Structures are given as structure tokens and as C-alpha cells.
PDB file of N, CA and C in Angstrom:
ATOM      1  N   UNK A   1       1.981  24.822   0.316  1.00  0.00           N
ATOM      2  CA  UNK A   1       2.920  23.510   0.680  1.00  0.00           C
ATOM      3  C   UNK A   1       2.138  22.452   1.514  1.00  0.00           C
ATOM      4  N   UNK A   2       2.569  21.083   0.899  1.00  0.00           N
ATOM      5  CA  UNK A   2       2.107  20.005   2.196  1.00  0.00           C
ATOM      6  C   UNK A   2       3.216  19.389   2.258  1.00  0.00           C
ATOM      7  N   UNK A   3       3.499  19.423   3.711  1.00  0.00           N
ATOM      8  CA  UNK A   3       4.378  18.487   4.507  1.00  0.00           C
ATOM      9  C   UNK A   3       4.070  17.273   4.691  1.00  0.00           C
ATOM     10  N   UNK A   4       4.908  16.298   4.389  1.00  0.00           N
ATOM     11  CA  UNK A   4       4.353  14.755   4.937  1.00  0.00           C
ATOM     12  C   UNK A   4       5.153  14.453   6.095  1.00  0.00           C
ATOM     13  N   UNK A   5       4.947  14.433   7.017  1.00  0.00           N
ATOM     14  CA  UNK A   5       5.610  14.325   8.336  1.00  0.00           C
ATOM     15  C   UNK A   5       5.558  12.650   8.317  1.00  0.00           C
ATOM     16  N   UNK A   6       4.679  12.057   7.993  1.00  0.00           N
ATOM     17  CA  UNK A   6       4.731  10.521   7.971  1.00  0.00           C
ATOM     18  C   UNK A   6       5.945  10.000   7.717  1.00  0.00           C
ATOM     19  N   UNK A   7       5.973  10.322   6.336  1.00  0.00           N
ATOM     20  CA  UNK A   7       7.271   9.927   5.602  1.00  0.00           C
ATOM     21  C   UNK A   7       8.806  10.525   6.318  1.00  0.00           C
ATOM     22  N   UNK A   8       8.631  11.449   6.949  1.00  0.00           N
ATOM     23  CA  UNK A   8       9.826  11.961   7.646  1.00  0.00           C
ATOM     24  C   UNK A   8       9.885  10.810   8.835  1.00  0.00           C
ATOM     25  N   UNK A   9       9.124  10.613   9.718  1.00  0.00           N
ATOM     26  CA  UNK A   9       8.958   9.725  10.778  1.00  0.00           C
ATOM     27  C   UNK A   9       9.512   8.238  10.361  1.00  0.00           C
ATOM     28  N   UNK A  10       8.742   7.995   9.157  1.00  0.00           N
ATOM     29  CA  UNK A  10       9.085   6.582   8.899  1.00  0.00           C
ATOM     30  C   UNK A  10      10.679   6.497   8.665  1.00  0.00           C
ATOM     31  N   UNK A  11      11.240   7.608   7.818  1.00  0.00           N
ATOM     32  CA  UNK A  11      12.474   7.342   7.358  1.00  0.00           C
ATOM     33  C   UNK A  11      13.426   7.304   8.790  1.00  0.00           C
ATOM     34  N   UNK A  12      13.184   8.382   9.668  1.00  0.00           N
ATOM     35  CA  UNK A  12      13.704   8.484  10.748  1.00  0.00           C
ATOM     36  C   UNK A  12      13.774   7.344  11.834  1.00  0.00           C
ATOM     37  N   UNK A  13      12.544   6.425  11.941  1.00  0.00           N
ATOM     38  CA  UNK A  13      12.447   5.471  12.608  1.00  0.00           C
ATOM     39  C   UNK A  13      13.252   4.311  11.916  1.00  0.00           C
ATOM     40  N   UNK A  14      13.519   4.130  10.536  1.00  0.00           N
ATOM     41  CA  UNK A  14      13.808   3.423   9.983  1.00  0.00           C
ATOM     42  C   UNK A  14      15.679   3.399  10.243  1.00  0.00           C
ATOM     43  N   UNK A  15      16.033   4.395  10.767  1.00  0.00           N
ATOM     44  CA  UNK A  15      17.578   4.325  10.903  1.00  0.00           C
ATOM     45  C   UNK A  15      17.650   4.364  12.656  1.00  0.00           C
ATOM     46  N   UNK A  16      16.579   4.304  13.480  1.00  0.00           N
ATOM     47  CA  UNK A  16      16.655   4.204  14.587  1.00  0.00           C
ATOM     48  C   UNK A  16      16.509   5.422  15.483  1.00  0.00           C
ATOM     49  N   UNK A  17      15.996   6.370  14.817  1.00  0.00           N
ATOM     50  CA  UNK A  17      15.842   7.716  15.643  1.00  0.00           C
ATOM     51  C   UNK A  17      14.375   7.591  15.796  1.00  0.00           C
ATOM     52  N   UNK A  18      14.047   7.400  16.909  1.00  0.00           N
ATOM     53  CA  UNK A  18      12.625   7.235  17.479  1.00  0.00           C
ATOM     54  C   UNK A  18      12.129   8.407  18.168  1.00  0.00           C
ATOM     55  N   UNK A  19      12.501   9.526  18.417  1.00  0.00           N
ATOM     56  CA  UNK A  19      12.356  10.436  19.106  1.00  0.00           C
ATOM     57  C   UNK A  19      12.570  11.961  18.489  1.00  0.00           C
ATOM     58  N   UNK A  20      11.731  13.200  18.668  1.00  0.00           N
ATOM     59  CA  UNK A  20      12.149  14.214  18.286  1.00  0.00           C
ATOM     60  C   UNK A  20      13.387  14.452  18.602  1.00  0.00           C
ATOM     61  N   UNK A  21      14.223  14.352  19.485  1.00  0.00           N
ATOM     62  CA  UNK A  21      15.323  14.735  19.900  1.00  0.00           C
ATOM     63  C   UNK A  21      16.370  13.992  19.181  1.00  0.00           C
ATOM     64  N   UNK A  22      16.064  12.639  18.858  1.00  0.00           N
ATOM     65  CA  UNK A  22      16.910  12.092  18.060  1.00  0.00           C
ATOM     66  C   UNK A  22      17.019  12.885  16.481  1.00  0.00           C
ATOM     67  N   UNK A  23      15.939  13.146  16.026  1.00  0.00           N
ATOM     68  CA  UNK A  23      15.874  13.747  14.674  1.00  0.00           C
ATOM     69  C   UNK A  23      16.611  14.972  14.641  1.00  0.00           C
ATOM     70  N   UNK A  24      16.573  15.717  15.831  1.00  0.00           N
ATOM     71  CA  UNK A  24      17.160  17.460  15.769  1.00  0.00           C
ATOM     72  C   UNK A  24      18.729  17.077  15.976  1.00  0.00           C
ATOM     73  N   UNK A  25      19.072  16.015  16.951  1.00  0.00           N
ATOM     74  CA  UNK A  25      20.551  15.556  16.518  1.00  0.00           C
ATOM     75  C   UNK A  25      21.116  15.130  15.273  1.00  0.00           C
ATOM     76  N   UNK A  26      20.321  14.547  14.904  1.00  0.00           N
ATOM     77  CA  UNK A  26      20.795  13.880  13.460  1.00  0.00           C
ATOM     78  C   UNK A  26      20.863  14.926  12.189  1.00  0.00           C
ATOM     79  N   UNK A  27      20.052  15.962  12.159  1.00  0.00           N
ATOM     80  CA  UNK A  27      19.715  17.152  11.414  1.00  0.00           C
ATOM     81  C   UNK A  27      20.440  18.042  11.601  1.00  0.00           C
ATOM     82  N   UNK A  28      20.982  18.348  12.791  1.00  0.00           N
ATOM     83  CA  UNK A  28      21.548  19.299  13.327  1.00  0.00           C
ATOM     84  C   UNK A  28      21.013  20.931  13.305  1.00  0.00           C
ATOM     85  N   UNK A  29      19.453  20.362  13.966  1.00  0.00           N
ATOM     86  CA  UNK A  29      18.751  21.707  14.265  1.00  0.00           C
ATOM     87  C   UNK A  29      18.249  21.729  15.681  1.00  0.00           C
ATOM     88  N   UNK A  30      17.692  22.604  16.064  1.00  0.00           N
ATOM     89  CA  UNK A  30      17.470  23.113  17.365  1.00  0.00           C
ATOM     90  C   UNK A  30      16.503  22.155  18.139  1.00  0.00           C
ATOM     91  N   UNK A  31      16.193  21.638  19.258  1.00  0.00           N
ATOM     92  CA  UNK A  31      15.194  20.534  19.789  1.00  0.00           C
ATOM     93  C   UNK A  31      13.863  21.137  19.486  1.00  0.00           C
ATOM     94  N   UNK A  32      13.672  22.146  19.396  1.00  0.00           N
ATOM     95  CA  UNK A  32      12.202  22.883  19.317  1.00  0.00           C
ATOM     96  C   UNK A  32      12.054  22.458  17.404  1.00  0.00           C
ATOM     97  N   UNK A  33      12.924  22.831  16.489  1.00  0.00           N
ATOM     98  CA  UNK A  33      12.507  22.363  15.298  1.00  0.00           C
ATOM     99  C   UNK A  33      12.331  21.014  15.112  1.00  0.00           C
ATOM    100  N   UNK A  34      13.232  20.324  15.659  1.00  0.00           N
ATOM    101  CA  UNK A  34      13.020  18.807  15.687  1.00  0.00           C
ATOM    102  C   UNK A  34      11.460  18.393  16.034  1.00  0.00           C
ATOM    103  N   UNK A  35      11.293  19.294  17.242  1.00  0.00           N
ATOM    104  CA  UNK A  35       9.831  18.757  17.686  1.00  0.00           C
ATOM    105  C   UNK A  35       8.892  19.081  16.758  1.00  0.00           C
ATOM    106  N   UNK A  36       8.767  20.420  16.178  1.00  0.00           N
ATOM    107  CA  UNK A  36       7.728  20.750  15.290  1.00  0.00           C
ATOM    108  C   UNK A  36       7.985  20.039  13.837  1.00  0.00           C
ATOM    109  N   UNK A  37       8.972  19.521  13.603  1.00  0.00           N
ATOM    110  CA  UNK A  37       8.881  18.607  12.461  1.00  0.00           C
ATOM    111  C   UNK A  37       8.284  17.656  12.735  1.00  0.00           C
ATOM    112  N   UNK A  38       8.829  16.728  13.656  1.00  0.00           N
ATOM    113  CA  UNK A  38       8.345  15.369  14.132  1.00  0.00           C
ATOM    114  C   UNK A  38       6.790  15.400  14.539  1.00  0.00           C
ATOM    115  N   UNK A  39       6.075  16.282  14.668  1.00  0.00           N
ATOM    116  CA  UNK A  39       4.858  16.393  15.149  1.00  0.00           C
ATOM    117  C   UNK A  39       3.878  17.033  13.887  1.00  0.00           C
ATOM    118  N   UNK A  40       4.482  17.570  12.769  1.00  0.00           N
ATOM    119  CA  UNK A  40       4.103  18.549  11.689  1.00  0.00           C
ATOM    120  C   UNK A  40       3.403  19.624  11.795  1.00  0.00           C
ATOM    121  N   UNK A  41       4.152  20.357  12.726  1.00  0.00           N
ATOM    122  CA  UNK A  41       3.753  21.993  13.150  1.00  0.00           C
ATOM    123  C   UNK A  41       4.437  22.824  12.306  1.00  0.00           C
ATOM    124  N   UNK A  42       5.461  22.324  11.612  1.00  0.00           N
ATOM    125  CA  UNK A  42       5.940  23.293  10.697  1.00  0.00           C
ATOM    126  C   UNK A  42       6.511  22.189   9.522  1.00  0.00           C
ATOM    127  N   UNK A  43       6.839  22.992   8.332  1.00  0.00           N
ATOM    128  CA  UNK A  43       7.312  22.388   7.274  1.00  0.00           C
ATOM    129  C   UNK A  43       9.155  22.596   7.168  1.00  0.00           C
ATOM    130  N   UNK A  44       9.824  21.674   6.837  1.00  0.00           N
ATOM    131  CA  UNK A  44      11.030  22.216   6.457  1.00  0.00           C
ATOM    132  C   UNK A  44      11.610  23.133   5.468  1.00  0.00           C
ATOM    133  N   UNK A  45      12.336  24.149   6.170  1.00  0.00           N
ATOM    134  CA  UNK A  45      13.025  25.385   5.251  1.00  0.00           C
ATOM    135  C   UNK A  45      13.753  24.347   3.769  1.00  0.00           C
ATOM    136  N   UNK A  46      14.287  25.170   3.314  1.00  0.00           N
ATOM    137  CA  UNK A  46      15.138  24.419   2.008  1.00  0.00           C
ATOM    138  C   UNK A  46      16.562  23.821   2.678  1.00  0.00           C
ATOM    139  N   UNK A  47      17.069  24.534   3.729  1.00  0.00           N
ATOM    140  CA  UNK A  47      18.296  23.596   4.382  1.00  0.00           C
ATOM    141  C   UNK A  47      18.060  22.520   5.219  1.00  0.00           C
ATOM    142  N   UNK A  48      16.940  22.685   5.951  1.00  0.00           N
ATOM    143  CA  UNK A  48      16.510  21.320   6.686  1.00  0.00           C
ATOM    144  C   UNK A  48      15.991  20.184   5.645  1.00  0.00           C
ATOM    145  N   UNK A  49      15.382  20.450   4.653  1.00  0.00           N
ATOM    146  CA  UNK A  49      14.986  19.636   3.858  1.00  0.00           C
ATOM    147  C   UNK A  49      16.181  18.826   3.062  1.00  0.00           C
ATOM    148  N   UNK A  50      17.358  19.786   2.733  1.00  0.00           N
ATOM    149  CA  UNK A  50      18.494  19.296   2.490  1.00  0.00           C
ATOM    150  C   UNK A  50      19.020  18.186   3.335  1.00  0.00           C
ATOM    151  N   UNK A  51      19.041  18.761   4.592  1.00  0.00           N
ATOM    152  CA  UNK A  51      19.753  17.776   5.645  1.00  0.00           C
ATOM    153  C   UNK A  51      18.939  16.587   5.663  1.00  0.00           C
ATOM    154  N   UNK A  52      17.557  16.644   5.608  1.00  0.00           N
ATOM    155  CA  UNK A  52      17.005  15.621   5.789  1.00  0.00           C
ATOM    156  C   UNK A  52      17.090  14.278   4.645  1.00  0.00           C
ATOM    157  N   UNK A  53      17.521  14.953   3.374  1.00  0.00           N
ATOM    158  CA  UNK A  53      17.749  14.273   2.358  1.00  0.00           C
ATOM    159  C   UNK A  53      19.317  13.528   2.438  1.00  0.00           C
ATOM    160  N   UNK A  54      19.885  13.968   3.138  1.00  0.00           N
ATOM    161  CA  UNK A  54      21.259  13.680   3.391  1.00  0.00           C
ATOM    162  C   UNK A  54      21.260  12.565   4.436  1.00  0.00           C
ATOM    163  N   UNK A  55      20.514  12.984   5.540  1.00  0.00           N
ATOM    164  CA  UNK A  55      20.553  11.809   6.765  1.00  0.00           C
ATOM    165  C   UNK A  55      19.814  10.679   6.555  1.00  0.00           C
ATOM    166  N   UNK A  56      18.354  10.815   5.660  1.00  0.00           N
ATOM    167  CA  UNK A  56      17.725  10.033   5.604  1.00  0.00           C
ATOM    168  C   UNK A  56      17.397   9.481   4.086  1.00  0.00           C
ATOM    169  N   UNK A  57      17.692  10.065   3.193  1.00  0.00           N
ATOM    170  CA  UNK A  57      17.674   9.728   1.901  1.00  0.00           C
ATOM    171  C   UNK A  57      16.487   9.929   1.315  1.00  0.00           C
ATOM    172  N   UNK A  58      15.492  10.678   2.012  1.00  0.00           N
ATOM    173  CA  UNK A  58      14.104  11.498   1.374  1.00  0.00           C
ATOM    174  C   UNK A  58      14.224  12.620   0.830  1.00  0.00           C
ATOM    175  N   UNK A  59      14.127  12.409  -0.728  1.00  0.00           N
ATOM    176  CA  UNK A  59      14.198  13.871  -1.426  1.00  0.00           C
ATOM    177  C   UNK A  59      13.479  14.793  -0.962  1.00  0.00           C
ATOM    178  N   UNK A  60      13.735  16.072  -1.107  1.00  0.00           N
ATOM    179  CA  UNK A  60      12.694  17.244  -0.494  1.00  0.00           C
ATOM    180  C   UNK A  60      11.415  17.224  -1.690  1.00  0.00           C
ATOM    181  N   UNK A  61      11.575  16.702  -2.880  1.00  0.00           N
ATOM    182  CA  UNK A  61      10.373  16.740  -3.579  1.00  0.00           C
ATOM    183  C   UNK A  61       9.247  15.633  -3.150  1.00  0.00           C
ATOM    184  N   UNK A  62       9.899  14.906  -2.433  1.00  0.00           N
ATOM    185  CA  UNK A  62       8.827  13.765  -1.799  1.00  0.00           C
ATOM    186  C   UNK A  62       8.063  14.282  -0.506  1.00  0.00           C
ATOM    187  N   UNK A  63       9.146  15.241   0.319  1.00  0.00           N
ATOM    188  CA  UNK A  63       8.890  15.447   1.740  1.00  0.00           C
ATOM    189  C   UNK A  63       8.072  16.660   1.738  1.00  0.00           C
ATOM    190  N   UNK A  64       7.917  17.367   0.364  1.00  0.00           N
ATOM    191  CA  UNK A  64       7.250  18.718   0.260  1.00  0.00           C
ATOM    192  C   UNK A  64       6.727  18.809  -0.697  1.00  0.00           C
ATOM    193  N   UNK A  65       5.478  19.175  -0.865  1.00  0.00           N
ATOM    194  CA  UNK A  65       4.704  18.987  -2.471  1.00  0.00           C
ATOM    195  C   UNK A  65       3.616  19.962  -2.294  1.00  0.00           C
ATOM    196  N   UNK A  66       3.592  20.734  -3.752  1.00  0.00           N
ATOM    197  CA  UNK A  66       3.001  21.968  -3.661  1.00  0.00           C
ATOM    198  C   UNK A  66       1.542  21.438  -3.405  1.00  0.00           C
ATOM    199  N   UNK A  67       0.356  22.389  -3.061  1.00  0.00           N
ATOM    200  CA  UNK A  67      -0.847  21.887  -2.783  1.00  0.00           C
ATOM    201  C   UNK A  67      -1.555  21.858  -4.649  1.00  0.00           C
ATOM    202  N   UNK A  68      -2.823  21.356  -4.757  1.00  0.00           N
ATOM    203  CA  UNK A  68      -3.291  21.416  -5.982  1.00  0.00           C
ATOM    204  C   UNK A  68      -3.446  22.794  -6.346  1.00  0.00           C
ATOM    205  N   UNK A  69      -3.866  23.652  -5.573  1.00  0.00           N
ATOM    206  CA  UNK A  69      -3.879  25.010  -6.403  1.00  0.00           C
ATOM    207  C   UNK A  69      -2.613  25.660  -7.112  1.00  0.00           C
ATOM    208  N   UNK A  70      -1.621  25.407  -6.014  1.00  0.00           N
ATOM    209  CA  UNK A  70      -0.471  26.009  -6.594  1.00  0.00           C
ATOM    210  C   UNK A  70       0.000  24.907  -7.524  1.00  0.00           C
ATOM    211  N   UNK A  71       0.095  23.640  -7.831  1.00  0.00           N
ATOM    212  CA  UNK A  71       0.312  23.210  -8.937  1.00  0.00           C
ATOM    213  C   UNK A  71      -0.141  23.637 -10.195  1.00  0.00           C
ATOM    214  N   UNK A  72      -1.571  24.003 -10.161  1.00  0.00           N
ATOM    215  CA  UNK A  72      -2.256  24.310 -11.333  1.00  0.00           C
ATOM    216  C   UNK A  72      -1.513  25.823 -11.739  1.00  0.00           C
ATOM    217  N   UNK A  73      -1.189  26.696 -10.753  1.00  0.00           N
ATOM    218  CA  UNK A  73      -0.552  27.893 -11.420  1.00  0.00           C
ATOM    219  C   UNK A  73       0.790  27.678 -11.908  1.00  0.00           C
ATOM    220  N   UNK A  74       1.499  26.786 -11.213  1.00  0.00           N
ATOM    221  CA  UNK A  74       2.843  26.446 -11.763  1.00  0.00           C
ATOM    222  C   UNK A  74       2.565  25.853 -13.439  1.00  0.00           C
ATOM    223  N   UNK A  75       1.690  25.249 -13.551  1.00  0.00           N
ATOM    224  CA  UNK A  75       1.631  24.632 -14.710  1.00  0.00           C
ATOM    225  C   UNK A  75       1.007  25.574 -15.937  1.00  0.00           C
ATOM    226  N   UNK A  76       0.244  26.555 -15.592  1.00  0.00           N
ATOM    227  CA  UNK A  76      -0.127  27.451 -16.454  1.00  0.00           C
ATOM    228  C   UNK A  76       0.695  28.445 -16.758  1.00  0.00           C
TER     229      UNK A  76
END
């Protein structure tokens, strides 16, 4: 899976969240999780992706995408 942290950061800053701490407060996740999401060190879980969609309006399908090889397996 490929996680687009730039999309999350753009949505967050568009709503006034400028730091990983702001992100973690809005999403209701641990500060360490907010930091890892902000810096792209981890992809969001299903629950966090749902929280991102509720908080920022970014669908999980845009935030996390299968890699090309995974997409071919699904299509086959």
C-alpha cells in the first residue's frame, strides 16, 4: 500500500492544523501516531483512515492506494 502523507498534510493545514499534535488531537489518536502519520512513517489503519475522512473529508481510497503489483493481483 502507498500512503500519500502530502494529501493528509494539505487537508490538515487547510483546516488550521499545522502540527502533528494538532492532527492527533483532531483525529483522536496518540501523539506518536499523529507524528508518524504527519511524517509518513506509518500508513493509517482502517479506523484512522475513517477518522481522517470524518475530520478532513479525504476518502480512504485517495489517502491509501494499492501499489501497482497489488493492483494487478486484484484485477486478475
